[in-house]
Amino acid sequence: MKPQRQMKLGAFLPAPGHHVAAWRHPNTPANAGLEIQHYTQVAQTAERGKFDMLFLSDGVGIRTHYKDEDELSRWGRIVQFEPLTLLSALAMVTQKIGLTATASTTYNEPFHIARKFASLDFLSNGRAGWNVVTSVTDVEAQNFNLQHQPDHATRYRRAREFMDVVTGLWDSWEDDAFIFDKATGRYFEPQKLHMLHHRGEFFQVRGPLNLARSPQGYPVIVQAGSSEDGQDFAAQWAEVIFTAHQTLEQAQTFYRGIKGQMIKHGRSPEQAKVMPGVFAVVGQTRAEAEAKYAILQELVDPVVGLGLLTGLLGDVDISGYPLDGPLPELPETQGSTSRQKLVYEQAQRQGLTIRQLYLSVAGGRGHRFILGTPSEIANQLEDWFVNEAADGFNIMPPSLPDGLNDFVDLVIPELQRRGLFRTDYEGTTLRDHLGLDRPLNRPNKSTAERATLAIARGAE
């Protein structure tokens, strides 16, 4: 008898929580982004809930939209640890949960990324994941000798070549290359070293990586782009796909589309798990859940709300329009085109004013928002899971630690009771949790796989 399909769950954990006013909540440390004890607590809570992974988003600059330092001072949540450094520390206080962090292909070099994530995979005994992003804001560019971000197409061309180089470096050594033979004086078997010799549009990388092949072969590749380029990139590379949708129909269209695109890239649809973000407010009763949400909504500073909305709209300036009037038509952006479209369509579909819209996105930032009792939350997750809209979900607690505690203590048992989620970890690596195969080393791939790599890299 075929076992029941079970959903995958990520715990998406910005330091204070996802609501824009979470840092002001009385139970949330205002300086959460600088407190290792706070991160340790929430990481261990997520592991207690048997989450597949915890996930840290990141940018290489303060990406908040603000006009001056006075506005910026009202935001909170603008300082936090560098995520790979933080996850290396959390690897020491957790045992099973996957550890996934964001790193940009726009403002990093492939060798650095390959070495850092392989190191995290060793430190965590095979629990590392890399959320691949192309940075989308000018403020990040201005920290790296540029005035403006590269255009959308250039960012994705660089990202594709970046992935060719990183995976090539991860294949520098066969799994059993290092023999550490003191008697013969042979540290590794020379025939099991494979130089990369990459020469492309953006990178020239000789190799090899000065680190052995990591426990998972490759850390799990995560990607979150929903633009046309982003979807094609995900279909080629991603093993977990984070996405944002607000209706079942939107989610089903994306799910079926991305799985179809994977087939065109010669991949099985089972090789990637689609996990939409869900901003979930949980209460023992619906009234309790509504009261929890109301506390956060009352803490939203209008300046911050408008700045948040401006960022979601691709840094399009809407400050000259009345807050209680409709959202104007928007120009094309070089920022996140998919998020701009999602938020704009929400405003049109629900007939929201600018003020109503920024309050609406103050928690989920365009992701799905669900509120209710454990049973009601489980019903809504199950609906998308069984109707070809998701393989699981990236859970976005409103505030930390309370929001994650609520989900772990109230919703997880309900999902387990329905047989929709694990009661314990069955493996030790992130690939084990997600049901993903360990990639073969490059020399051990099939002839067809090697030919595909040769085309991608320009040489074998």
Protein backbone atom coordinates (compact mmCIF):
# COMPACT_ATOMS: atom_id res chain seq x y z
CA MET A 1 0.00 0.00 0.00
CA LYS A 2 1.41 3.38 -1.04
CA PRO A 3 2.05 5.60 2.02
CA GLN A 4 -0.01 8.76 2.35
CA ARG A 5 1.64 11.81 0.83
CA GLN A 6 2.78 14.24 3.52
CA MET A 7 3.39 17.96 3.26
CA LYS A 8 6.76 19.63 3.68
CA LEU A 9 7.08 22.59 6.05
CA GLY A 10 9.62 25.37 6.28
CA ALA A 11 9.80 27.81 9.19
CA PHE A 12 10.51 31.26 7.69
CA LEU A 13 12.07 33.13 10.61
CA PRO A 14 12.98 36.82 10.32
CA ALA A 15 14.19 37.84 13.76
CA PRO A 16 11.05 39.48 15.23
CA GLY A 17 8.51 37.70 12.99
CA HIS A 18 6.85 38.62 9.71
CA HIS A 19 4.47 41.35 10.67
CA VAL A 20 5.99 44.76 9.99
CA ALA A 21 5.18 45.82 13.56
CA ALA A 22 6.30 42.55 15.20
CA TRP A 23 9.34 44.15 16.82
CA ARG A 24 6.96 46.37 18.84
CA HIS A 25 4.96 43.44 20.21
CA PRO A 26 5.34 43.19 24.02
CA ASN A 27 6.44 39.53 23.87
CA THR A 28 9.03 40.00 21.11
CA PRO A 29 12.60 41.14 21.89
CA ALA A 30 13.04 44.49 20.14
CA ASN A 31 16.68 43.58 19.42
CA ALA A 32 15.87 40.03 18.28
CA GLY A 33 18.14 40.29 15.22
CA LEU A 34 21.16 40.62 17.50
CA GLU A 35 20.28 37.92 20.07
CA ILE A 36 21.71 34.44 19.49
CA GLN A 37 19.62 33.16 22.42
CA HIS A 38 16.46 34.27 20.60
CA TYR A 39 17.45 32.49 17.40
CA THR A 40 18.43 29.39 19.36
CA GLN A 41 15.02 29.31 21.01
CA VAL A 42 13.03 29.61 17.78
CA ALA A 43 15.28 27.16 15.89
CA GLN A 44 14.81 24.54 18.61
CA THR A 45 11.05 25.19 18.63
CA ALA A 46 10.91 24.59 14.88
CA GLU A 47 12.88 21.38 15.32
CA ARG A 48 10.52 20.29 18.09
CA GLY A 49 7.73 20.76 15.55
CA LYS A 50 9.60 18.47 13.09
CA PHE A 51 9.82 21.18 10.42
CA ASP A 52 11.83 20.16 7.37
CA MET A 53 13.90 23.33 7.56
CA LEU A 54 14.20 26.80 8.95
CA PHE A 55 14.78 29.55 6.43
CA LEU A 56 16.54 32.93 6.72
CA SER A 57 15.97 35.61 4.10
CA ASP A 58 18.64 38.24 3.59
CA GLY A 59 19.79 41.23 1.59
CA VAL A 60 23.15 42.96 1.29
CA GLY A 61 21.89 46.36 2.36
CA ILE A 62 19.02 48.00 4.21
CA ARG A 63 16.32 47.46 1.58
CA THR A 64 13.61 49.31 3.46
CA HIS A 65 12.05 52.20 1.52
CA TYR A 66 12.61 55.46 3.41
CA LYS A 67 13.08 59.16 2.62
CA ASP A 68 15.39 60.11 5.47
CA GLU A 69 16.94 58.81 8.67
CA ASP A 70 13.91 59.86 10.72
CA GLU A 71 11.66 57.57 8.66
CA LEU A 72 14.24 54.77 8.82
CA SER A 73 14.36 55.03 12.60
CA ARG A 74 10.70 54.01 12.78
CA TRP A 75 11.15 50.68 11.04
CA GLY A 76 12.95 48.43 13.46
CA ARG A 77 14.01 45.03 12.06
CA ILE A 78 16.78 46.56 9.94
CA VAL A 79 19.79 44.89 11.59
CA GLN A 80 20.39 41.15 11.86
CA PHE A 81 23.22 38.64 11.70
CA GLU A 82 24.72 37.51 8.40
CA PRO A 83 22.77 34.28 7.78
CA LEU A 84 25.56 31.78 7.06
CA THR A 85 27.40 32.86 10.20
CA LEU A 86 24.17 32.49 12.17
CA LEU A 87 23.29 29.08 10.72
CA SER A 88 26.77 27.79 11.52
CA ALA A 89 26.07 28.64 15.15
CA LEU A 90 22.57 27.11 15.03
CA ALA A 91 24.03 23.91 13.58
CA MET A 92 25.63 23.38 16.99
CA VAL A 93 22.35 23.61 18.93
CA THR A 94 20.10 21.58 16.60
CA GLN A 95 20.36 18.01 15.31
CA LYS A 96 17.89 17.32 12.49
CA ILE A 97 16.22 20.44 11.09
CA GLY A 98 17.47 21.77 7.75
CA LEU A 99 19.30 25.11 7.75
CA THR A 100 18.60 27.26 4.70
CA ALA A 101 19.93 30.75 4.01
CA THR A 102 19.71 33.32 1.24
CA ALA A 103 22.78 34.39 -0.71
CA SER A 104 22.84 36.52 -3.85
CA THR A 105 24.35 35.59 -7.21
CA THR A 106 24.55 39.30 -8.03
CA TYR A 107 27.02 40.43 -5.37
CA ASN A 108 28.98 37.27 -4.56
CA GLU A 109 31.57 35.17 -6.35
CA PRO A 110 30.77 31.50 -7.09
CA PHE A 111 33.87 30.18 -5.32
CA HIS A 112 32.90 31.94 -2.07
CA ILE A 113 29.34 30.60 -2.17
CA ALA A 114 30.40 27.06 -3.09
CA ARG A 115 32.86 26.91 -0.20
CA LYS A 116 30.62 28.54 2.41
CA PHE A 117 27.55 26.36 1.78
CA ALA A 118 29.62 23.19 1.51
CA SER A 119 31.22 24.13 4.84
CA LEU A 120 27.78 24.61 6.41
CA ASP A 121 26.78 21.20 5.04
CA PHE A 122 29.76 19.62 6.82
CA LEU A 123 29.19 21.55 10.05
CA SER A 124 25.53 20.48 10.17
CA ASN A 125 26.10 16.89 9.00
CA GLY A 126 24.14 17.38 5.80
CA ARG A 127 21.44 19.92 6.63
CA ALA A 128 22.40 22.93 4.46
CA GLY A 129 20.22 24.63 1.88
CA TRP A 130 20.95 27.65 -0.34
CA ASN A 131 18.18 30.05 -1.33
CA VAL A 132 19.46 31.43 -4.64
CA VAL A 133 18.44 35.04 -5.35
CA THR A 134 19.29 37.81 -7.77
CA SER A 135 19.41 41.06 -5.79
CA VAL A 136 16.73 43.52 -6.90
CA THR A 137 17.37 46.88 -5.21
CA ASP A 138 19.57 49.87 -6.01
CA VAL A 139 20.51 50.24 -2.34
CA GLU A 140 22.27 46.89 -2.54
CA ALA A 141 24.03 47.86 -5.77
CA GLN A 142 25.29 51.02 -4.06
CA ASN A 143 27.16 48.88 -1.53
CA PHE A 144 29.05 47.21 -4.38
CA ASN A 145 30.50 50.01 -6.50
CA LEU A 146 27.35 50.55 -8.59
CA GLN A 147 24.67 53.22 -8.71
CA HIS A 148 21.91 50.96 -10.02
CA GLN A 149 21.19 47.27 -10.00
CA PRO A 150 21.87 45.35 -13.22
CA ASP A 151 18.78 44.90 -15.37
CA HIS A 152 16.54 41.87 -14.91
CA ALA A 153 17.85 39.88 -17.90
CA THR A 154 21.52 40.46 -16.99
CA ARG A 155 20.92 39.36 -13.41
CA TYR A 156 19.48 36.06 -14.58
CA ARG A 157 22.20 35.42 -17.18
CA ARG A 158 24.76 35.88 -14.42
CA ALA A 159 22.74 33.64 -12.08
CA ARG A 160 22.63 30.78 -14.60
CA GLU A 161 26.37 30.91 -15.15
CA PHE A 162 26.87 31.26 -11.39
CA MET A 163 25.03 27.97 -10.85
CA ASP A 164 27.13 26.20 -13.50
CA VAL A 165 30.29 27.28 -11.68
CA VAL A 166 29.08 26.52 -8.14
CA THR A 167 27.86 23.02 -8.98
CA GLY A 168 31.03 22.40 -10.97
CA LEU A 169 33.09 23.36 -7.93
CA TRP A 170 30.99 21.09 -5.71
CA ASP A 171 31.96 18.30 -8.11
CA SER A 172 35.69 19.03 -7.81
CA TRP A 173 36.25 15.83 -5.84
CA GLU A 174 34.63 12.43 -6.02
CA ASP A 175 33.01 11.25 -2.80
CA ASP A 176 35.85 8.88 -1.92
CA ALA A 177 38.74 10.98 -3.28
CA PHE A 178 40.38 11.57 0.11
CA ILE A 179 42.09 8.50 1.54
CA PHE A 180 44.34 10.20 4.13
CA ASP A 181 46.84 7.32 3.87
CA LYS A 182 49.67 8.09 6.27
CA ALA A 183 51.61 4.93 5.37
CA THR A 184 51.93 5.75 1.66
CA GLY A 185 51.88 9.50 2.09
CA ARG A 186 48.92 9.78 -0.30
CA TYR A 187 46.35 12.35 0.87
CA PHE A 188 43.91 11.78 -2.02
CA GLU A 189 43.65 9.71 -5.18
CA PRO A 190 44.69 12.00 -8.05
CA GLN A 191 42.32 10.48 -10.63
CA LYS A 192 39.39 11.49 -8.41
CA LEU A 193 40.15 15.20 -8.65
CA HIS A 194 38.33 17.04 -11.47
CA MET A 195 39.40 20.56 -12.42
CA LEU A 196 36.64 22.92 -13.57
CA HIS A 197 38.44 25.27 -16.00
CA HIS A 198 35.34 27.42 -16.50
CA ARG A 199 35.47 30.40 -18.88
CA GLY A 200 32.21 32.27 -19.48
CA GLU A 201 30.59 35.68 -19.87
CA PHE A 202 30.87 36.63 -16.20
CA PHE A 203 33.35 34.22 -14.60
CA GLN A 204 36.70 32.55 -15.14
CA VAL A 205 37.22 29.88 -12.50
CA ARG A 206 39.94 27.25 -12.55
CA GLY A 207 39.07 25.22 -9.45
CA PRO A 208 39.21 22.94 -7.60
CA LEU A 209 37.26 23.76 -4.46
CA ASN A 210 39.51 23.51 -1.40
CA LEU A 211 36.94 21.42 0.45
CA ALA A 212 35.90 17.80 0.01
CA ARG A 213 32.50 16.90 -1.45
CA SER A 214 29.95 17.64 1.24
CA PRO A 215 27.58 15.16 2.96
CA GLN A 216 24.63 15.96 0.66
CA GLY A 217 26.76 16.22 -2.48
CA TYR A 218 25.15 19.57 -3.12
CA PRO A 219 23.34 21.57 -0.44
CA VAL A 220 19.63 21.70 -1.32
CA ILE A 221 18.95 24.40 -3.93
CA VAL A 222 16.04 26.71 -3.08
CA GLN A 223 14.69 29.46 -5.35
CA ALA A 224 11.87 31.96 -5.08
CA GLY A 225 11.55 33.82 -8.38
CA SER A 226 8.08 33.87 -9.97
CA SER A 227 8.83 36.05 -13.01
CA GLU A 228 9.20 34.35 -16.40
CA ASP A 229 12.99 34.24 -15.98
CA GLY A 230 12.63 33.18 -12.34
CA GLN A 231 10.34 30.29 -13.19
CA ASP A 232 12.64 29.05 -15.96
CA PHE A 233 15.59 29.25 -13.57
CA ALA A 234 13.66 27.34 -10.90
CA ALA A 235 12.57 24.68 -13.38
CA GLN A 236 16.21 24.08 -14.29
CA TRP A 237 17.86 24.26 -10.87
CA ALA A 238 15.55 24.44 -7.85
CA GLU A 239 14.79 21.56 -5.50
CA VAL A 240 12.54 23.70 -3.30
CA ILE A 241 10.52 26.54 -4.80
CA PHE A 242 9.25 29.27 -2.50
CA THR A 243 6.43 31.28 -4.01
CA ALA A 244 3.63 33.71 -3.11
CA HIS A 245 -0.04 33.25 -4.05
CA GLN A 246 -3.29 34.41 -2.51
CA THR A 247 -5.88 32.22 -4.24
CA LEU A 248 -6.13 28.51 -4.90
CA GLU A 249 -6.45 29.16 -8.64
CA GLN A 250 -3.24 31.26 -8.72
CA ALA A 251 -1.37 28.58 -6.79
CA GLN A 252 -2.66 25.74 -8.99
CA THR A 253 -1.67 27.58 -12.17
CA PHE A 254 1.84 28.16 -10.88
CA TYR A 255 2.20 24.61 -9.51
CA ARG A 256 1.15 22.90 -12.73
CA GLY A 257 3.14 25.34 -14.84
CA ILE A 258 6.42 24.96 -12.98
CA LYS A 259 6.14 21.18 -12.88
CA GLY A 260 5.60 21.20 -16.65
CA GLN A 261 8.63 23.42 -17.18
CA MET A 262 10.75 21.00 -15.15
CA ILE A 263 9.90 18.23 -17.59
CA LYS A 264 11.10 20.44 -20.46
CA HIS A 265 14.43 20.75 -18.64
CA GLY A 266 14.69 16.96 -18.42
CA ARG A 267 13.75 16.81 -14.73
CA SER A 268 11.08 14.83 -12.92
CA PRO A 269 8.39 16.99 -11.23
CA GLU A 270 9.19 15.14 -8.00
CA GLN A 271 12.67 16.69 -7.98
CA ALA A 272 11.33 20.02 -6.66
CA LYS A 273 8.91 20.80 -3.84
CA VAL A 274 6.66 23.84 -4.33
CA MET A 275 6.13 25.57 -0.97
CA PRO A 276 4.06 28.79 -1.00
CA GLY A 277 4.49 31.23 1.86
CA VAL A 278 1.65 31.32 4.42
CA PHE A 279 1.23 34.04 7.05
CA ALA A 280 -0.72 32.17 9.74
CA VAL A 281 -2.36 33.65 12.84
CA VAL A 282 -3.50 30.88 15.20
CA GLY A 283 -5.77 30.99 18.24
CA GLN A 284 -7.60 28.45 20.37
CA THR A 285 -10.73 30.21 19.10
CA ARG A 286 -11.25 32.42 16.08
CA ALA A 287 -11.88 35.38 18.37
CA GLU A 288 -8.52 34.80 20.05
CA ALA A 289 -6.77 34.68 16.67
CA GLU A 290 -8.47 37.92 15.60
CA ALA A 291 -7.42 39.59 18.84
CA LYS A 292 -3.78 38.56 18.30
CA TYR A 293 -3.83 40.00 14.79
CA ALA A 294 -5.52 43.22 15.96
CA ILE A 295 -2.72 43.88 18.45
CA LEU A 296 -0.16 43.85 15.65
CA GLN A 297 -2.28 45.88 13.25
CA GLU A 298 -2.70 48.61 15.85
CA LEU A 299 1.10 48.90 16.07
CA VAL A 300 1.60 49.66 12.35
CA ASP A 301 3.17 53.09 11.88
CA PRO A 302 1.61 54.72 8.75
CA VAL A 303 5.06 55.83 7.58
CA VAL A 304 6.29 52.25 7.81
CA GLY A 305 3.16 50.85 6.19
CA LEU A 306 3.51 53.14 3.18
CA GLY A 307 7.22 52.42 2.91
CA LEU A 308 6.56 48.67 3.00
CA LEU A 309 3.98 48.98 0.23
CA THR A 310 6.34 51.11 -1.85
CA GLY A 311 9.01 48.43 -1.64
CA LEU A 312 6.58 45.67 -2.60
CA LEU A 313 5.55 47.71 -5.62
CA GLY A 314 9.12 47.76 -6.89
CA ASP A 315 10.11 51.10 -5.29
CA VAL A 316 7.48 52.99 -7.27
CA ASP A 317 6.85 56.28 -5.43
CA ILE A 318 3.15 56.55 -4.47
CA SER A 319 3.60 59.12 -1.69
CA GLY A 320 1.82 61.83 -3.71
CA TYR A 321 -1.45 59.91 -3.85
CA PRO A 322 -4.12 60.12 -1.11
CA LEU A 323 -3.93 57.24 1.37
CA ASP A 324 -7.70 56.78 1.23
CA GLY A 325 -7.79 56.74 -2.56
CA PRO A 326 -7.12 53.91 -5.02
CA LEU A 327 -3.71 52.63 -6.08
CA PRO A 328 -2.70 54.23 -9.40
CA GLU A 329 -1.54 52.29 -12.44
CA LEU A 330 2.10 51.34 -11.97
CA PRO A 331 5.09 51.72 -14.30
CA GLU A 332 7.37 48.80 -15.11
CA THR A 333 9.99 48.09 -12.43
CA GLN A 334 13.47 46.59 -12.38
CA GLY A 335 12.63 45.30 -8.89
CA SER A 336 10.54 42.24 -8.13
CA THR A 337 8.11 42.19 -11.04
CA SER A 338 6.18 39.17 -9.76
CA ARG A 339 5.56 40.72 -6.31
CA GLN A 340 4.51 44.06 -7.84
CA LYS A 341 1.97 42.26 -10.02
CA LEU A 342 0.66 40.17 -7.09
CA VAL A 343 0.08 43.17 -4.80
CA TYR A 344 -1.41 45.32 -7.56
CA GLU A 345 -3.85 42.55 -8.51
CA GLN A 346 -4.85 42.17 -4.85
CA ALA A 347 -5.70 45.89 -4.66
CA GLN A 348 -7.78 45.69 -7.83
CA ARG A 349 -9.52 42.43 -6.89
CA GLN A 350 -10.50 43.61 -3.40
CA GLY A 351 -11.07 47.29 -4.24
CA LEU A 352 -8.58 48.45 -1.58
CA THR A 353 -7.40 51.99 -0.92
CA ILE A 354 -3.67 52.60 -0.44
CA ARG A 355 -4.13 52.63 3.36
CA GLN A 356 -6.18 49.42 3.32
CA LEU A 357 -3.60 47.82 1.05
CA TYR A 358 -0.60 48.57 3.25
CA LEU A 359 -2.48 47.27 6.29
CA SER A 360 -3.39 44.17 4.31
CA VAL A 361 0.24 43.41 3.38
CA ALA A 362 1.72 44.41 6.77
CA GLY A 363 1.96 40.75 7.75
CA GLY A 364 2.25 38.52 4.71
CA ARG A 365 3.78 41.01 2.24
CA GLY A 366 1.65 39.59 -0.53
CA HIS A 367 1.74 35.99 0.70
CA ARG A 368 -1.37 34.05 1.62
CA PHE A 369 -2.92 35.16 4.92
CA ILE A 370 -4.88 32.64 6.99
CA LEU A 371 -6.36 33.16 10.45
CA GLY A 372 -8.32 30.91 12.76
CA THR A 373 -8.36 27.87 15.01
CA PRO A 374 -5.93 24.97 14.55
CA SER A 375 -8.62 23.04 12.68
CA GLU A 376 -9.41 25.99 10.40
CA ILE A 377 -5.73 26.55 9.64
CA ALA A 378 -5.23 22.84 8.91
CA ASN A 379 -8.29 22.82 6.64
CA GLN A 380 -6.88 25.65 4.54
CA LEU A 381 -3.44 24.09 4.26
CA GLU A 382 -4.94 20.71 3.39
CA ASP A 383 -7.12 22.26 0.68
CA TRP A 384 -4.13 23.57 -1.25
CA PHE A 385 -2.02 20.49 -0.55
CA VAL A 386 -4.53 17.94 -1.91
CA ASN A 387 -5.65 20.08 -4.86
CA GLU A 388 -2.35 20.42 -6.74
CA ALA A 389 -1.44 23.85 -5.43
CA ALA A 390 1.48 22.97 -3.11
CA ASP A 391 3.82 20.22 -1.89
CA GLY A 392 4.03 22.00 1.43
CA PHE A 393 4.31 25.48 2.88
CA ASN A 394 6.79 28.05 4.14
CA ILE A 395 5.17 29.09 7.41
CA MET A 396 5.53 32.80 8.29
CA PRO A 397 4.86 33.41 12.02
CA PRO A 398 3.42 36.90 12.71
CA SER A 399 5.72 37.49 15.69
CA LEU A 400 8.41 35.48 17.43
CA PRO A 401 8.55 33.52 19.57
CA ASP A 402 4.75 33.49 20.09
CA GLY A 403 3.63 32.88 16.50
CA LEU A 404 5.89 29.86 16.03
CA ASN A 405 4.93 28.43 19.43
CA ASP A 406 1.26 28.68 18.43
CA PHE A 407 1.83 26.85 15.17
CA VAL A 408 3.99 24.10 16.69
CA ASP A 409 1.77 23.53 19.73
CA LEU A 410 -1.63 23.85 18.03
CA VAL A 411 -1.47 23.29 14.26
CA ILE A 412 1.26 20.65 13.96
CA PRO A 413 -0.64 18.13 16.16
CA GLU A 414 -3.76 18.65 14.02
CA LEU A 415 -1.80 18.01 10.81
CA GLN A 416 -0.23 14.93 12.40
CA ARG A 417 -3.64 13.66 13.49
CA ARG A 418 -4.77 13.84 9.85
CA GLY A 419 -1.68 11.99 8.66
CA LEU A 420 -0.57 15.04 6.67
CA PHE A 421 2.72 15.65 8.47
CA ARG A 422 5.44 13.53 10.05
CA THR A 423 5.44 12.63 13.73
CA ASP A 424 9.24 12.28 13.75
CA TYR A 425 12.23 12.70 11.47
CA GLU A 426 13.01 9.53 9.52
CA GLY A 427 16.40 10.67 8.21
CA THR A 428 19.24 12.96 9.20
CA THR A 429 19.83 15.24 6.20
CA LEU A 430 17.69 17.93 4.60
CA ARG A 431 17.53 15.78 1.46
CA ASP A 432 16.20 12.93 3.60
CA HIS A 433 13.44 15.14 5.00
CA LEU A 434 12.39 16.42 1.56
CA GLY A 435 12.67 13.07 -0.21
CA LEU A 436 15.34 14.36 -2.61
CA ASP A 437 18.08 12.25 -4.18
CA ARG A 438 21.73 12.96 -3.47
CA PRO A 439 23.29 14.31 -6.70
CA LEU A 440 25.87 12.14 -8.38
CA ASN A 441 29.35 13.56 -8.70
CA ARG A 442 29.99 14.98 -12.16
CA PRO A 443 32.24 12.13 -13.46
CA ASN A 444 29.63 9.58 -12.33
CA LYS A 445 26.72 11.17 -14.15
CA SER A 446 25.25 9.49 -17.20
CA THR A 447 26.53 10.33 -20.69
CA ALA A 448 23.40 12.41 -21.32
CA GLU A 449 23.85 14.33 -18.07
CA ARG A 450 27.50 15.04 -18.89
CA ALA A 451 26.52 16.28 -22.35
CA THR A 452 24.00 18.67 -20.79
CA LEU A 453 26.67 19.97 -18.43
CA ALA A 454 29.12 20.41 -21.32
CA ILE A 455 26.60 22.50 -23.24
CA ALA A 456 25.85 24.60 -20.19
CA ARG A 457 29.50 25.20 -19.30
CA GLY A 458 30.81 25.56 -22.84
CA ALA A 459 33.43 22.84 -22.34
CA GLU A 460 33.95 19.53 -20.59
